[in-house]
Amino acid sequence: MASAFADDALPPEGVYDSREALFKAINEWAKPRGYAFTTGKSSKTPNGRVKVVYACDRNRLPPSHAVERVRRTASRKTGCKFSVLAKESLDRSTWILGHRPDKECGEHNHPPSEDPAAHPAHRRLEKRDAIRISNLATSGSAPRDIRTYLHNHSDSLATQRDIYNRIASGAGSDWMPKIT
């Protein structure tokens, strides 16, 4: 993949049927370009409409090295200001995506990712994949075999750690039987 972002990194402005459809569309736009969006900040305008800033998933500042952290995990945060603005329409039936006026909100401060699986937003499991994980885990399949199955039979970019986490979090929920 390129060492710099293409000129078309910003998703096209437009109107969407729902907030979920807008979020899915901008992440589908971002995926082949080497980045992902997360919900940066939500607020209400004075007239009650919802306004959401969708920011690059590397938008927060990295943790301070001066503070001793309990978990020694790596951070992908770079303080990237790249973001777009979504507003609920006046009649509250659609969502409008617009670019932010600041120049820094249209540029990344890091190179694009080489693999879409580097972004948790692109690895998010759909309900049918979660059910597949449940069924395969219940039948005794190993997480690495489940990951291989998902990669061969769906569009999932889930890592083996995502599979472990889904099995652990689903043990008490209604869609996944408890694993004993």
N, C-alpha and C. Protein backbone atom coordinates (compact mmCIF):
# COMPACT_ATOMS: atom_id res chain seq x y z
N MET A 1 0.84 -1.18 0.00
CA MET A 1 0.00 0.00 0.00
C MET A 1 0.89 1.24 0.00
N ALA A 2 0.36 2.36 -0.37
CA ALA A 2 1.11 3.60 -0.49
C ALA A 2 1.60 4.09 0.87
N SER A 3 2.67 4.91 0.83
CA SER A 3 3.19 5.47 2.07
C SER A 3 2.49 6.78 2.44
N ALA A 4 1.62 7.27 1.55
CA ALA A 4 0.83 8.47 1.82
C ALA A 4 -0.60 8.23 1.36
N PHE A 5 -1.51 8.99 1.93
CA PHE A 5 -2.92 8.84 1.58
C PHE A 5 -3.20 9.44 0.21
N ALA A 6 -4.15 8.85 -0.49
CA ALA A 6 -4.58 9.36 -1.79
C ALA A 6 -5.34 10.67 -1.60
N ASP A 7 -5.51 11.41 -2.68
CA ASP A 7 -6.24 12.68 -2.63
C ASP A 7 -7.71 12.49 -2.28
N ASP A 8 -8.24 11.29 -2.50
CA ASP A 8 -9.66 11.04 -2.22
C ASP A 8 -9.87 10.37 -0.86
N ALA A 9 -9.06 10.72 0.13
CA ALA A 9 -9.19 10.09 1.45
C ALA A 9 -10.50 10.46 2.13
N LEU A 10 -10.98 11.68 1.93
CA LEU A 10 -12.25 12.09 2.54
C LEU A 10 -13.41 11.39 1.84
N PRO A 11 -14.33 10.82 2.59
CA PRO A 11 -15.50 10.19 1.95
C PRO A 11 -16.38 11.26 1.30
N PRO A 12 -17.11 10.91 0.26
CA PRO A 12 -17.95 11.90 -0.40
C PRO A 12 -19.09 12.37 0.50
N GLU A 13 -19.40 13.66 0.40
CA GLU A 13 -20.53 14.20 1.16
C GLU A 13 -21.80 13.62 0.58
N GLY A 14 -22.82 13.44 1.43
CA GLY A 14 -24.07 12.87 0.94
C GLY A 14 -25.11 12.73 2.03
N VAL A 15 -26.24 12.14 1.64
CA VAL A 15 -27.37 11.93 2.53
C VAL A 15 -27.57 10.43 2.71
N TYR A 16 -27.82 10.01 3.96
CA TYR A 16 -27.98 8.59 4.28
C TYR A 16 -29.28 8.37 5.04
N ASP A 17 -29.83 7.18 4.91
CA ASP A 17 -31.11 6.84 5.54
C ASP A 17 -31.04 6.76 7.06
N SER A 18 -29.88 6.39 7.60
CA SER A 18 -29.75 6.25 9.05
C SER A 18 -28.31 6.52 9.47
N ARG A 19 -28.13 6.71 10.77
CA ARG A 19 -26.80 6.92 11.32
C ARG A 19 -25.93 5.68 11.09
N GLU A 20 -26.54 4.50 11.25
CA GLU A 20 -25.81 3.24 11.05
C GLU A 20 -25.37 3.08 9.60
N ALA A 21 -26.25 3.44 8.65
CA ALA A 21 -25.92 3.35 7.22
C ALA A 21 -24.78 4.30 6.88
N LEU A 22 -24.79 5.49 7.46
CA LEU A 22 -23.73 6.47 7.23
C LEU A 22 -22.40 5.93 7.76
N PHE A 23 -22.40 5.42 8.99
CA PHE A 23 -21.18 4.89 9.60
C PHE A 23 -20.62 3.73 8.78
N LYS A 24 -21.49 2.84 8.34
CA LYS A 24 -21.05 1.71 7.53
C LYS A 24 -20.46 2.19 6.20
N ALA A 25 -21.11 3.18 5.58
CA ALA A 25 -20.64 3.69 4.28
C ALA A 25 -19.28 4.36 4.39
N ILE A 26 -19.06 5.17 5.43
CA ILE A 26 -17.77 5.86 5.52
C ILE A 26 -16.65 4.88 5.87
N ASN A 27 -16.96 3.82 6.62
CA ASN A 27 -15.92 2.83 6.90
C ASN A 27 -15.63 1.96 5.68
N GLU A 28 -16.65 1.70 4.85
CA GLU A 28 -16.40 0.98 3.59
C GLU A 28 -15.54 1.84 2.67
N TRP A 29 -15.73 3.15 2.71
CA TRP A 29 -14.91 4.07 1.92
C TRP A 29 -13.46 4.05 2.44
N ALA A 30 -13.31 4.05 3.76
CA ALA A 30 -12.00 4.14 4.39
C ALA A 30 -11.18 2.85 4.27
N LYS A 31 -11.86 1.71 4.27
CA LYS A 31 -11.16 0.41 4.32
C LYS A 31 -10.09 0.25 3.23
N PRO A 32 -10.39 0.44 1.94
CA PRO A 32 -9.34 0.25 0.93
C PRO A 32 -8.29 1.37 0.93
N ARG A 33 -8.55 2.45 1.66
CA ARG A 33 -7.63 3.58 1.69
C ARG A 33 -6.70 3.54 2.91
N GLY A 34 -6.85 2.53 3.78
CA GLY A 34 -5.91 2.33 4.86
C GLY A 34 -6.22 3.01 6.18
N TYR A 35 -7.48 3.29 6.45
CA TYR A 35 -7.84 3.87 7.74
C TYR A 35 -9.26 3.46 8.10
N ALA A 36 -9.73 3.90 9.27
CA ALA A 36 -11.09 3.59 9.72
C ALA A 36 -11.62 4.77 10.53
N PHE A 37 -12.93 4.85 10.63
CA PHE A 37 -13.58 5.88 11.43
C PHE A 37 -14.10 5.31 12.73
N THR A 38 -14.09 6.14 13.77
CA THR A 38 -14.77 5.84 15.03
C THR A 38 -15.62 7.05 15.37
N THR A 39 -16.56 6.86 16.28
CA THR A 39 -17.37 7.99 16.72
C THR A 39 -16.52 8.84 17.65
N GLY A 40 -16.22 10.05 17.21
CA GLY A 40 -15.36 10.92 18.00
C GLY A 40 -16.11 11.65 19.09
N LYS A 41 -17.21 12.31 18.72
CA LYS A 41 -17.97 13.10 19.69
C LYS A 41 -19.39 13.25 19.17
N SER A 42 -20.35 13.08 20.06
CA SER A 42 -21.76 13.27 19.72
C SER A 42 -22.32 14.39 20.58
N SER A 43 -23.18 15.21 19.99
CA SER A 43 -23.83 16.27 20.76
C SER A 43 -25.16 16.61 20.10
N LYS A 44 -25.93 17.44 20.80
CA LYS A 44 -27.21 17.89 20.25
C LYS A 44 -27.11 19.38 19.94
N THR A 45 -27.70 19.77 18.82
CA THR A 45 -27.75 21.18 18.46
C THR A 45 -28.84 21.84 19.30
N PRO A 46 -28.89 23.17 19.33
CA PRO A 46 -29.94 23.85 20.12
C PRO A 46 -31.37 23.44 19.75
N ASN A 47 -31.59 23.05 18.49
CA ASN A 47 -32.94 22.64 18.09
C ASN A 47 -33.19 21.15 18.29
N GLY A 48 -32.26 20.44 18.95
CA GLY A 48 -32.48 19.05 19.31
C GLY A 48 -31.97 18.01 18.33
N ARG A 49 -31.41 18.45 17.20
CA ARG A 49 -30.86 17.48 16.25
C ARG A 49 -29.52 16.94 16.76
N VAL A 50 -29.23 15.70 16.40
CA VAL A 50 -27.97 15.08 16.82
C VAL A 50 -26.89 15.42 15.81
N LYS A 51 -25.70 15.73 16.32
CA LYS A 51 -24.53 16.03 15.50
C LYS A 51 -23.42 15.08 15.95
N VAL A 52 -22.77 14.40 15.00
CA VAL A 52 -21.73 13.42 15.34
C VAL A 52 -20.47 13.72 14.54
N VAL A 53 -19.33 13.74 15.23
CA VAL A 53 -18.04 13.85 14.57
C VAL A 53 -17.48 12.43 14.47
N TYR A 54 -17.22 11.98 13.24
CA TYR A 54 -16.57 10.70 13.02
C TYR A 54 -15.10 10.99 12.72
N ALA A 55 -14.22 10.43 13.54
CA ALA A 55 -12.80 10.73 13.46
C ALA A 55 -11.99 9.49 13.09
N CYS A 56 -10.79 9.72 12.61
CA CYS A 56 -9.84 8.63 12.34
C CYS A 56 -9.67 7.83 13.62
N ASP A 57 -9.54 6.52 13.49
CA ASP A 57 -9.42 5.69 14.70
C ASP A 57 -8.09 5.89 15.43
N ARG A 58 -7.21 6.70 14.89
CA ARG A 58 -5.96 7.03 15.58
C ARG A 58 -6.00 8.46 16.15
N ASN A 59 -7.21 8.98 16.39
CA ASN A 59 -7.36 10.39 16.73
C ASN A 59 -6.91 10.79 18.12
N ARG A 60 -6.89 9.94 19.07
CA ARG A 60 -6.50 10.33 20.44
C ARG A 60 -4.97 10.45 20.54
N LEU A 61 -4.54 11.14 21.59
CA LEU A 61 -3.10 11.26 21.82
C LEU A 61 -2.58 9.96 22.42
N PRO A 62 -1.35 9.59 22.09
CA PRO A 62 -0.78 8.37 22.69
C PRO A 62 -0.59 8.57 24.19
N PRO A 63 -0.60 7.48 24.96
CA PRO A 63 -0.42 7.61 26.41
C PRO A 63 0.96 8.17 26.75
N SER A 64 1.02 8.88 27.85
CA SER A 64 2.27 9.49 28.29
C SER A 64 3.26 8.40 28.73
N HIS A 65 4.51 8.58 28.35
CA HIS A 65 5.55 7.64 28.77
C HIS A 65 5.99 7.92 30.21
N ALA A 66 5.63 9.10 30.72
CA ALA A 66 6.01 9.47 32.09
C ALA A 66 5.22 8.69 33.13
N VAL A 67 4.02 8.25 32.76
CA VAL A 67 3.16 7.52 33.69
C VAL A 67 3.36 6.02 33.48
N GLU A 68 3.60 5.30 34.57
CA GLU A 68 3.76 3.85 34.49
C GLU A 68 2.39 3.21 34.27
N ARG A 69 2.24 2.50 33.17
CA ARG A 69 0.96 1.88 32.86
C ARG A 69 0.88 0.48 33.45
N VAL A 70 -0.32 0.07 33.86
CA VAL A 70 -0.52 -1.26 34.44
C VAL A 70 -0.31 -2.31 33.36
N ARG A 71 -0.98 -2.13 32.22
CA ARG A 71 -0.82 -3.07 31.11
C ARG A 71 0.16 -2.49 30.12
N ARG A 72 1.12 -3.26 29.71
CA ARG A 72 2.16 -2.81 28.81
C ARG A 72 1.74 -3.08 27.37
N THR A 73 0.65 -2.47 26.94
CA THR A 73 0.17 -2.67 25.58
C THR A 73 0.62 -1.52 24.69
N ALA A 74 0.73 -1.80 23.41
CA ALA A 74 1.11 -0.78 22.45
C ALA A 74 -0.10 0.07 22.10
N SER A 75 0.13 1.31 21.76
CA SER A 75 -0.95 2.20 21.35
C SER A 75 -0.74 2.60 19.90
N ARG A 76 -1.83 2.63 19.14
CA ARG A 76 -1.76 3.06 17.74
C ARG A 76 -2.16 4.53 17.60
N LYS A 77 -2.43 5.19 18.69
CA LYS A 77 -2.90 6.58 18.66
C LYS A 77 -1.77 7.52 18.25
N THR A 78 -2.12 8.50 17.39
CA THR A 78 -1.13 9.47 16.92
C THR A 78 -1.61 10.91 17.06
N GLY A 79 -2.82 11.11 17.56
CA GLY A 79 -3.37 12.46 17.64
C GLY A 79 -3.87 12.96 16.30
N CYS A 80 -4.21 12.07 15.39
CA CYS A 80 -4.68 12.43 14.04
C CYS A 80 -5.99 13.22 14.14
N LYS A 81 -6.07 14.35 13.44
CA LYS A 81 -7.25 15.23 13.49
C LYS A 81 -8.23 14.96 12.35
N PHE A 82 -7.94 14.00 11.48
CA PHE A 82 -8.79 13.70 10.33
C PHE A 82 -10.20 13.34 10.81
N SER A 83 -11.22 14.03 10.28
CA SER A 83 -12.59 13.75 10.72
C SER A 83 -13.61 14.34 9.76
N VAL A 84 -14.84 13.86 9.88
CA VAL A 84 -15.98 14.37 9.11
C VAL A 84 -17.13 14.63 10.08
N LEU A 85 -18.13 15.37 9.62
CA LEU A 85 -19.25 15.75 10.47
C LEU A 85 -20.55 15.22 9.90
N ALA A 86 -21.35 14.58 10.74
CA ALA A 86 -22.66 14.08 10.33
C ALA A 86 -23.72 14.77 11.17
N LYS A 87 -24.80 15.22 10.50
CA LYS A 87 -25.90 15.88 11.21
C LYS A 87 -27.21 15.23 10.83
N GLU A 88 -28.07 15.12 11.81
CA GLU A 88 -29.42 14.64 11.58
C GLU A 88 -30.17 15.73 10.81
N SER A 89 -30.99 15.34 9.84
CA SER A 89 -31.74 16.33 9.06
C SER A 89 -32.80 17.01 9.92
N LEU A 90 -33.33 18.12 9.43
CA LEU A 90 -34.34 18.88 10.19
C LEU A 90 -35.56 18.04 10.51
N ASP A 91 -35.98 17.19 9.56
CA ASP A 91 -37.16 16.35 9.80
C ASP A 91 -36.80 15.04 10.50
N ARG A 92 -35.52 14.87 10.83
CA ARG A 92 -35.00 13.70 11.56
C ARG A 92 -35.20 12.37 10.83
N SER A 93 -35.32 12.42 9.50
CA SER A 93 -35.53 11.20 8.74
C SER A 93 -34.25 10.71 8.04
N THR A 94 -33.26 11.59 7.89
CA THR A 94 -32.02 11.22 7.22
C THR A 94 -30.83 11.83 7.95
N TRP A 95 -29.64 11.43 7.52
CA TRP A 95 -28.39 11.96 8.06
C TRP A 95 -27.58 12.56 6.92
N ILE A 96 -26.97 13.72 7.17
CA ILE A 96 -26.19 14.42 6.16
C ILE A 96 -24.72 14.39 6.56
N LEU A 97 -23.87 13.91 5.65
CA LEU A 97 -22.43 13.85 5.90
C LEU A 97 -21.78 15.04 5.23
N GLY A 98 -20.94 15.75 5.97
CA GLY A 98 -20.23 16.90 5.42
C GLY A 98 -18.78 16.89 5.86
N HIS A 99 -17.94 17.61 5.09
CA HIS A 99 -16.54 17.75 5.45
C HIS A 99 -16.40 18.91 6.42
N ARG A 100 -15.44 18.83 7.29
CA ARG A 100 -15.18 19.90 8.25
C ARG A 100 -14.35 20.99 7.58
N PRO A 101 -14.54 22.25 7.96
CA PRO A 101 -13.86 23.35 7.26
C PRO A 101 -12.36 23.45 7.54
N ASP A 102 -11.90 22.97 8.67
CA ASP A 102 -10.47 23.08 9.00
C ASP A 102 -9.63 22.20 8.09
N LYS A 103 -8.50 22.74 7.62
CA LYS A 103 -7.61 21.99 6.73
C LYS A 103 -7.05 20.75 7.43
N GLU A 104 -6.72 20.89 8.72
CA GLU A 104 -6.13 19.75 9.45
C GLU A 104 -7.12 18.60 9.61
N CYS A 105 -8.43 18.87 9.50
CA CYS A 105 -9.44 17.81 9.61
C CYS A 105 -9.56 16.99 8.33
N GLY A 106 -8.86 17.40 7.28
CA GLY A 106 -8.88 16.68 6.02
C GLY A 106 -7.60 15.96 5.70
N GLU A 107 -6.66 15.94 6.67
CA GLU A 107 -5.37 15.29 6.43
C GLU A 107 -4.99 14.41 7.62
N HIS A 108 -4.42 13.25 7.31
CA HIS A 108 -3.93 12.34 8.35
C HIS A 108 -2.51 12.74 8.73
N ASN A 109 -2.08 12.40 9.93
CA ASN A 109 -0.70 12.66 10.36
C ASN A 109 0.10 11.36 10.46
N HIS A 110 -0.34 10.34 9.75
CA HIS A 110 0.30 9.02 9.80
C HIS A 110 0.12 8.37 8.43
N PRO A 111 0.91 7.36 8.10
CA PRO A 111 0.72 6.67 6.82
C PRO A 111 -0.48 5.74 6.87
N PRO A 112 -1.02 5.36 5.71
CA PRO A 112 -2.14 4.41 5.70
C PRO A 112 -1.70 3.02 6.17
N SER A 113 -2.63 2.27 6.71
CA SER A 113 -2.36 0.90 7.13
C SER A 113 -2.27 0.00 5.91
N GLU A 114 -1.43 -1.01 5.99
CA GLU A 114 -1.29 -1.95 4.88
C GLU A 114 -2.38 -3.00 4.87
N ASP A 115 -2.95 -3.28 6.05
CA ASP A 115 -3.95 -4.34 6.17
C ASP A 115 -5.20 -3.79 6.86
N PRO A 116 -6.39 -3.97 6.26
CA PRO A 116 -7.62 -3.50 6.92
C PRO A 116 -7.85 -4.13 8.29
N ALA A 117 -7.29 -5.31 8.53
CA ALA A 117 -7.47 -5.98 9.83
C ALA A 117 -6.74 -5.24 10.95
N ALA A 118 -5.93 -4.24 10.62
CA ALA A 118 -5.26 -3.44 11.64
C ALA A 118 -6.24 -2.54 12.38
N HIS A 119 -7.46 -2.42 11.87
CA HIS A 119 -8.46 -1.52 12.45
C HIS A 119 -9.61 -2.32 13.05
N PRO A 120 -9.85 -2.21 14.36
CA PRO A 120 -10.96 -2.93 14.99
C PRO A 120 -12.31 -2.67 14.33
N ALA A 121 -12.51 -1.48 13.79
CA ALA A 121 -13.79 -1.17 13.13
C ALA A 121 -14.04 -2.07 11.93
N HIS A 122 -12.98 -2.47 11.24
CA HIS A 122 -13.13 -3.35 10.08
C HIS A 122 -13.21 -4.82 10.48
N ARG A 123 -12.83 -5.12 11.72
CA ARG A 123 -12.89 -6.51 12.20
C ARG A 123 -14.18 -6.81 12.93
N ARG A 124 -15.04 -5.83 13.06
CA ARG A 124 -16.30 -6.01 13.79
C ARG A 124 -17.09 -7.17 13.19
N LEU A 125 -17.57 -8.05 14.06
CA LEU A 125 -18.30 -9.24 13.61
C LEU A 125 -19.77 -8.94 13.36
N GLU A 126 -20.28 -9.47 12.27
CA GLU A 126 -21.72 -9.38 12.02
C GLU A 126 -22.40 -10.47 12.84
N LYS A 127 -23.70 -10.33 13.04
CA LYS A 127 -24.45 -11.26 13.89
C LYS A 127 -24.33 -12.70 13.37
N ARG A 128 -24.40 -12.88 12.04
CA ARG A 128 -24.32 -14.25 11.50
C ARG A 128 -22.95 -14.88 11.79
N ASP A 129 -21.89 -14.06 11.77
CA ASP A 129 -20.56 -14.58 12.10
C ASP A 129 -20.45 -14.91 13.58
N ALA A 130 -21.09 -14.11 14.42
CA ALA A 130 -21.09 -14.39 15.86
C ALA A 130 -21.81 -15.71 16.14
N ILE A 131 -22.89 -15.96 15.42
CA ILE A 131 -23.62 -17.23 15.58
C ILE A 131 -22.76 -18.39 15.09
N ARG A 132 -22.04 -18.18 13.99
CA ARG A 132 -21.13 -19.24 13.50
C ARG A 132 -20.07 -19.55 14.55
N ILE A 133 -19.51 -18.51 15.16
CA ILE A 133 -18.51 -18.72 16.20
C ILE A 133 -19.11 -19.52 17.34
N SER A 134 -20.31 -19.16 17.74
CA SER A 134 -21.00 -19.88 18.82
C SER A 134 -21.15 -21.35 18.49
N ASN A 135 -21.66 -21.63 17.31
CA ASN A 135 -21.89 -23.02 16.90
C ASN A 135 -20.59 -23.80 16.81
N LEU A 136 -19.57 -23.20 16.22
CA LEU A 136 -18.29 -23.90 16.08
C LEU A 136 -17.60 -24.11 17.43
N ALA A 137 -17.68 -23.11 18.31
CA ALA A 137 -17.07 -23.25 19.64
C ALA A 137 -17.79 -24.31 20.45
N THR A 138 -19.12 -24.33 20.36
CA THR A 138 -19.91 -25.32 21.08
C THR A 138 -19.60 -26.73 20.60
N SER A 139 -19.31 -26.86 19.30
CA SER A 139 -19.00 -28.18 18.76
C SER A 139 -17.56 -28.61 19.04
N GLY A 140 -16.78 -27.73 19.69
CA GLY A 140 -15.43 -28.11 20.09
C GLY A 140 -14.33 -27.66 19.15
N SER A 141 -14.63 -26.82 18.17
CA SER A 141 -13.60 -26.35 17.24
C SER A 141 -12.65 -25.40 17.95
N ALA A 142 -11.38 -25.47 17.58
CA ALA A 142 -10.37 -24.58 18.15
C ALA A 142 -10.52 -23.18 17.54
N PRO A 143 -10.19 -22.13 18.29
CA PRO A 143 -10.31 -20.77 17.76
C PRO A 143 -9.56 -20.55 16.44
N ARG A 144 -8.39 -21.17 16.26
CA ARG A 144 -7.67 -20.99 15.00
C ARG A 144 -8.43 -21.62 13.84
N ASP A 145 -9.13 -22.75 14.10
CA ASP A 145 -9.95 -23.37 13.06
C ASP A 145 -11.19 -22.53 12.76
N ILE A 146 -11.74 -21.91 13.80
CA ILE A 146 -12.90 -21.02 13.61
C ILE A 146 -12.49 -19.83 12.76
N ARG A 147 -11.32 -19.26 13.05
CA ARG A 147 -10.83 -18.11 12.27
C ARG A 147 -10.64 -18.50 10.81
N THR A 148 -10.05 -19.66 10.56
CA THR A 148 -9.86 -20.13 9.20
C THR A 148 -11.19 -20.32 8.49
N TYR A 149 -12.15 -20.90 9.19
CA TYR A 149 -13.49 -21.09 8.62
C TYR A 149 -14.11 -19.75 8.24
N LEU A 150 -14.04 -18.78 9.16
CA LEU A 150 -14.63 -17.46 8.89
C LEU A 150 -13.96 -16.79 7.69
N HIS A 151 -12.65 -16.87 7.61
CA HIS A 151 -11.94 -16.23 6.50
C HIS A 151 -12.29 -16.89 5.17
N ASN A 152 -12.60 -18.19 5.18
CA ASN A 152 -12.95 -18.90 3.95
C ASN A 152 -14.41 -18.76 3.57
N HIS A 153 -15.30 -18.51 4.54
CA HIS A 153 -16.74 -18.53 4.28
C HIS A 153 -17.46 -17.21 4.53
N SER A 154 -16.74 -16.15 4.85
CA SER A 154 -17.39 -14.84 5.04
C SER A 154 -16.38 -13.74 4.72
N ASP A 155 -16.81 -12.51 4.84
CA ASP A 155 -15.94 -11.36 4.58
C ASP A 155 -15.22 -10.90 5.85
N SER A 156 -15.32 -11.66 6.91
CA SER A 156 -14.78 -11.28 8.21
C SER A 156 -13.26 -11.15 8.17
N LEU A 157 -12.76 -10.11 8.85
CA LEU A 157 -11.32 -9.91 9.01
C LEU A 157 -10.88 -10.23 10.43
N ALA A 158 -11.72 -10.94 11.17
CA ALA A 158 -11.47 -11.22 12.58
C ALA A 158 -10.14 -11.94 12.79
N THR A 159 -9.44 -11.52 13.84
CA THR A 159 -8.20 -12.18 14.22
C THR A 159 -8.52 -13.29 15.22
N GLN A 160 -7.53 -14.10 15.51
CA GLN A 160 -7.74 -15.17 16.48
C GLN A 160 -8.09 -14.58 17.85
N ARG A 161 -7.49 -13.45 18.21
CA ARG A 161 -7.80 -12.78 19.48
C ARG A 161 -9.26 -12.33 19.48
N ASP A 162 -9.78 -11.85 18.35
CA ASP A 162 -11.20 -11.46 18.26
C ASP A 162 -12.10 -12.66 18.52
N ILE A 163 -11.69 -13.83 18.01
CA ILE A 163 -12.48 -15.06 18.21
C ILE A 163 -12.48 -15.42 19.70
N TYR A 164 -11.31 -15.41 20.33
CA TYR A 164 -11.22 -15.69 21.77
C TYR A 164 -12.11 -14.73 22.56
N ASN A 165 -12.03 -13.44 22.22
CA ASN A 165 -12.83 -12.44 22.94
C ASN A 165 -14.32 -12.67 22.74
N ARG A 166 -14.73 -13.04 21.54
CA ARG A 166 -16.15 -13.28 21.27
C ARG A 166 -16.63 -14.50 22.05
N ILE A 167 -15.84 -15.55 22.10
CA ILE A 167 -16.21 -16.75 22.85
C ILE A 167 -16.34 -16.40 24.33
N ALA A 168 -15.38 -15.64 24.86
CA ALA A 168 -15.40 -15.28 26.28
C ALA A 168 -16.57 -14.35 26.61
N SER A 169 -16.84 -13.38 25.76
CA SER A 169 -17.92 -12.43 26.06
C SER A 169 -19.29 -13.03 25.82
N GLY A 170 -19.38 -14.01 24.94
CA GLY A 170 -20.66 -14.61 24.62
C GLY A 170 -21.06 -15.74 25.53
N ALA A 171 -20.20 -16.13 26.45
CA ALA A 171 -20.50 -17.29 27.30
C ALA A 171 -21.75 -17.09 28.14
N GLY A 172 -22.08 -15.85 28.50
CA GLY A 172 -23.26 -15.63 29.32
C GLY A 172 -24.43 -15.02 28.58
N SER A 173 -24.28 -14.80 27.28
CA SER A 173 -25.38 -14.15 26.55
C SER A 173 -26.36 -15.17 25.99
N ASP A 174 -27.49 -14.68 25.52
CA ASP A 174 -28.55 -15.57 25.07
C ASP A 174 -28.29 -16.20 23.70
N TRP A 175 -27.45 -15.58 22.85
CA TRP A 175 -27.23 -16.15 21.52
C TRP A 175 -26.14 -17.20 21.51
N MET A 176 -25.36 -17.29 22.59
CA MET A 176 -24.26 -18.26 22.61
C MET A 176 -24.37 -19.13 23.85
N PRO A 177 -24.51 -20.43 23.68
CA PRO A 177 -24.58 -21.32 24.84
C PRO A 177 -23.29 -21.26 25.64
N LYS A 178 -23.40 -21.48 26.94
CA LYS A 178 -22.24 -21.45 27.82
C LYS A 178 -21.31 -22.61 27.48
N ILE A 179 -20.03 -22.31 27.37
CA ILE A 179 -19.02 -23.33 27.07
C ILE A 179 -18.50 -23.87 28.38
N THR A 180 -18.56 -25.18 28.55
CA THR A 180 -18.10 -25.78 29.80
C THR A 180 -16.90 -26.65 29.57
